[in-house]
Amino acid sequence: MSNARKIDTDAMRTLALFEQVTGARVKDCVTFKDRLTFIVEEGQLWRALGKNRANLLKLERLLKQRVKIVEYRPDKIQFIVNLLAPLRIVDIQEGEDGIITIKGPDTKTKGLMIGARAQNLRALEGIVRMYFDCEEIKVV
């Protein structure tokens, strides 16, 4: 799937700032779980974070917002795992019908994955759909 959404000038400035501070190539920037989430090219995560997370902390200070950096993966399942980190996942599978099922270790973790009124789950689906075909994501 192609990422065909329009980026406004503020988003362009934010992406440019990210690349200037980190030196990492960024694919996209979205708001997910009350954080500004930067999706970086495969293999760019450690460069983006910086030594002792220095780049991450600098970005949070400059943007005055919590920041999360996620590494893009061409494998849909691994990309979802990266998006949900640091939450622990017991099992994740994609059915033939295009529905991805995620099993969490406990009720609290499942609740964090789903969010109030399933907002986290729908936001996760939205990000995944930007890059992959995805019918639905379920947490069980």
Protein backbone atom coordinates (compact mmCIF):
# COMPACT_ATOMS: atom_id res chain seq x y z
CA MET A 1 0.00 0.00 0.00
CA SER A 2 1.22 3.45 -0.76
CA ASN A 3 1.35 6.29 1.68
CA ALA A 4 -0.70 8.82 -0.31
CA ARG A 5 -1.74 11.22 2.39
CA LYS A 6 -1.02 14.91 2.20
CA ILE A 7 1.55 16.47 4.50
CA ASP A 8 1.11 20.07 5.59
CA THR A 9 3.95 22.55 6.15
CA ASP A 10 4.03 21.95 9.92
CA ALA A 11 4.46 18.22 9.37
CA MET A 12 7.19 18.89 6.82
CA ARG A 13 9.02 21.10 9.32
CA THR A 14 8.68 18.40 11.99
CA LEU A 15 10.06 15.73 9.65
CA ALA A 16 12.95 18.00 8.64
CA LEU A 17 13.73 18.74 12.30
CA PHE A 18 13.70 15.02 13.08
CA GLU A 19 16.15 14.25 10.28
CA GLN A 20 18.36 17.20 11.23
CA VAL A 21 18.57 16.18 14.90
CA THR A 22 18.93 12.43 14.37
CA GLY A 23 20.57 12.02 10.97
CA ALA A 24 18.16 9.13 10.36
CA ARG A 25 15.89 8.75 7.35
CA VAL A 26 12.24 9.08 8.36
CA LYS A 27 9.30 7.55 6.46
CA ASP A 28 6.43 9.20 8.27
CA CYS A 29 5.20 10.93 11.38
CA VAL A 30 1.83 10.21 13.02
CA THR A 31 0.17 10.78 16.37
CA PHE A 32 -0.38 7.45 18.12
CA LYS A 33 -1.22 6.86 21.80
CA ASP A 34 -0.82 10.56 22.69
CA ARG A 35 2.70 10.58 21.26
CA LEU A 36 4.27 11.91 18.15
CA THR A 37 5.41 8.68 16.49
CA PHE A 38 8.16 8.80 13.90
CA ILE A 39 8.46 5.80 11.60
CA VAL A 40 12.06 5.48 10.45
CA GLU A 41 13.49 3.46 7.57
CA GLU A 42 14.61 -0.09 8.28
CA GLY A 43 18.00 -0.14 10.03
CA GLN A 44 17.77 3.50 11.16
CA LEU A 45 16.37 3.00 14.69
CA TRP A 46 19.62 3.22 16.66
CA ARG A 47 20.79 6.25 14.70
CA ALA A 48 17.44 7.93 15.37
CA LEU A 49 17.54 7.18 19.11
CA GLY A 50 21.15 8.27 19.55
CA LYS A 51 23.57 7.27 22.28
CA ASN A 52 21.69 6.85 25.57
CA ARG A 53 18.52 8.04 23.76
CA ALA A 54 20.03 11.54 23.46
CA ASN A 55 18.29 12.31 20.15
CA LEU A 56 14.93 11.15 21.48
CA LEU A 57 15.23 13.35 24.57
CA LYS A 58 16.35 16.33 22.48
CA LEU A 59 13.36 15.93 20.15
CA GLU A 60 10.95 15.76 23.09
CA ARG A 61 12.47 18.96 24.46
CA LEU A 62 12.34 20.79 21.10
CA LEU A 63 8.83 19.63 20.17
CA LYS A 64 7.46 19.89 23.74
CA GLN A 65 5.71 16.57 23.21
CA ARG A 66 6.33 12.90 23.99
CA VAL A 67 8.02 11.15 21.08
CA LYS A 68 8.20 7.50 20.06
CA ILE A 69 10.47 6.19 17.32
CA VAL A 70 9.44 3.01 15.50
CA GLU A 71 11.42 1.11 12.91
CA TYR A 72 9.56 0.25 9.71
CA ARG A 73 9.71 -3.40 8.63
CA PRO A 74 8.47 -4.82 5.32
CA ASP A 75 7.02 -7.73 7.34
CA LYS A 76 3.55 -6.68 8.53
CA ILE A 77 3.65 -8.74 11.74
CA GLN A 78 7.08 -7.43 12.79
CA PHE A 79 5.96 -3.85 12.04
CA ILE A 80 2.94 -4.29 14.33
CA VAL A 81 5.19 -5.70 17.07
CA ASN A 82 7.46 -2.65 16.67
CA LEU A 83 4.47 -0.29 16.93
CA LEU A 84 3.22 -1.94 20.11
CA ALA A 85 6.63 -2.07 21.83
CA PRO A 86 7.32 -2.05 24.77
CA LEU A 87 4.07 -3.95 25.37
CA ARG A 88 4.63 -7.70 25.54
CA ILE A 89 2.90 -9.88 22.97
CA VAL A 90 2.39 -13.59 23.62
CA ASP A 91 1.34 -14.46 20.06
CA ILE A 92 0.42 -12.63 16.87
CA GLN A 93 -1.02 -14.28 13.78
CA GLU A 94 -2.65 -13.27 10.53
CA GLY A 95 -5.60 -15.33 9.39
CA GLU A 96 -6.49 -16.09 5.79
CA ASP A 97 -9.32 -13.53 6.04
CA GLY A 98 -6.81 -10.68 6.62
CA ILE A 99 -7.64 -10.37 10.33
CA ILE A 100 -4.62 -10.09 12.60
CA THR A 101 -5.06 -11.56 16.08
CA ILE A 102 -2.82 -10.42 18.93
CA LYS A 103 -2.65 -12.28 22.24
CA GLY A 104 -1.51 -10.31 25.25
CA PRO A 105 -0.06 -11.83 28.43
CA ASP A 106 -2.61 -10.29 30.81
CA THR A 107 -5.71 -8.14 31.03
CA LYS A 108 -3.79 -4.91 31.74
CA THR A 109 -1.61 -5.28 28.63
CA LYS A 110 -4.63 -6.12 26.49
CA GLY A 111 -6.38 -3.03 27.83
CA LEU A 112 -3.40 -0.85 26.91
CA MET A 113 -3.37 -2.30 23.40
CA ILE A 114 -7.09 -1.67 22.92
CA GLY A 115 -7.43 1.66 24.72
CA ALA A 116 -10.59 3.47 25.81
CA ARG A 117 -13.37 2.85 23.26
CA ALA A 118 -10.79 0.92 21.17
CA GLN A 119 -9.01 4.15 20.17
CA ASN A 120 -5.51 2.66 20.39
CA LEU A 121 -6.52 -0.36 18.34
CA ARG A 122 -8.15 1.77 15.61
CA ALA A 123 -5.11 4.08 15.49
CA LEU A 124 -2.85 1.02 15.16
CA GLU A 125 -5.02 -0.27 12.30
CA GLY A 126 -4.79 3.12 10.60
CA ILE A 127 -0.99 3.17 10.71
CA VAL A 128 -0.71 -0.44 9.52
CA ARG A 129 -3.12 0.28 6.62
CA MET A 130 -0.84 3.09 5.44
CA TYR A 131 1.73 0.46 4.46
CA PHE A 132 -0.06 -2.91 4.25
CA ASP A 133 -3.39 -4.48 3.40
CA CYS A 134 -5.12 -5.13 6.71
CA GLU A 135 -8.76 -6.07 7.22
CA GLU A 136 -8.84 -5.74 11.01
CA ILE A 137 -6.71 -6.15 14.14
CA LYS A 138 -8.13 -7.95 17.16
CA VAL A 139 -6.73 -8.34 20.66
CA VAL A 140 -7.71 -11.51 22.53
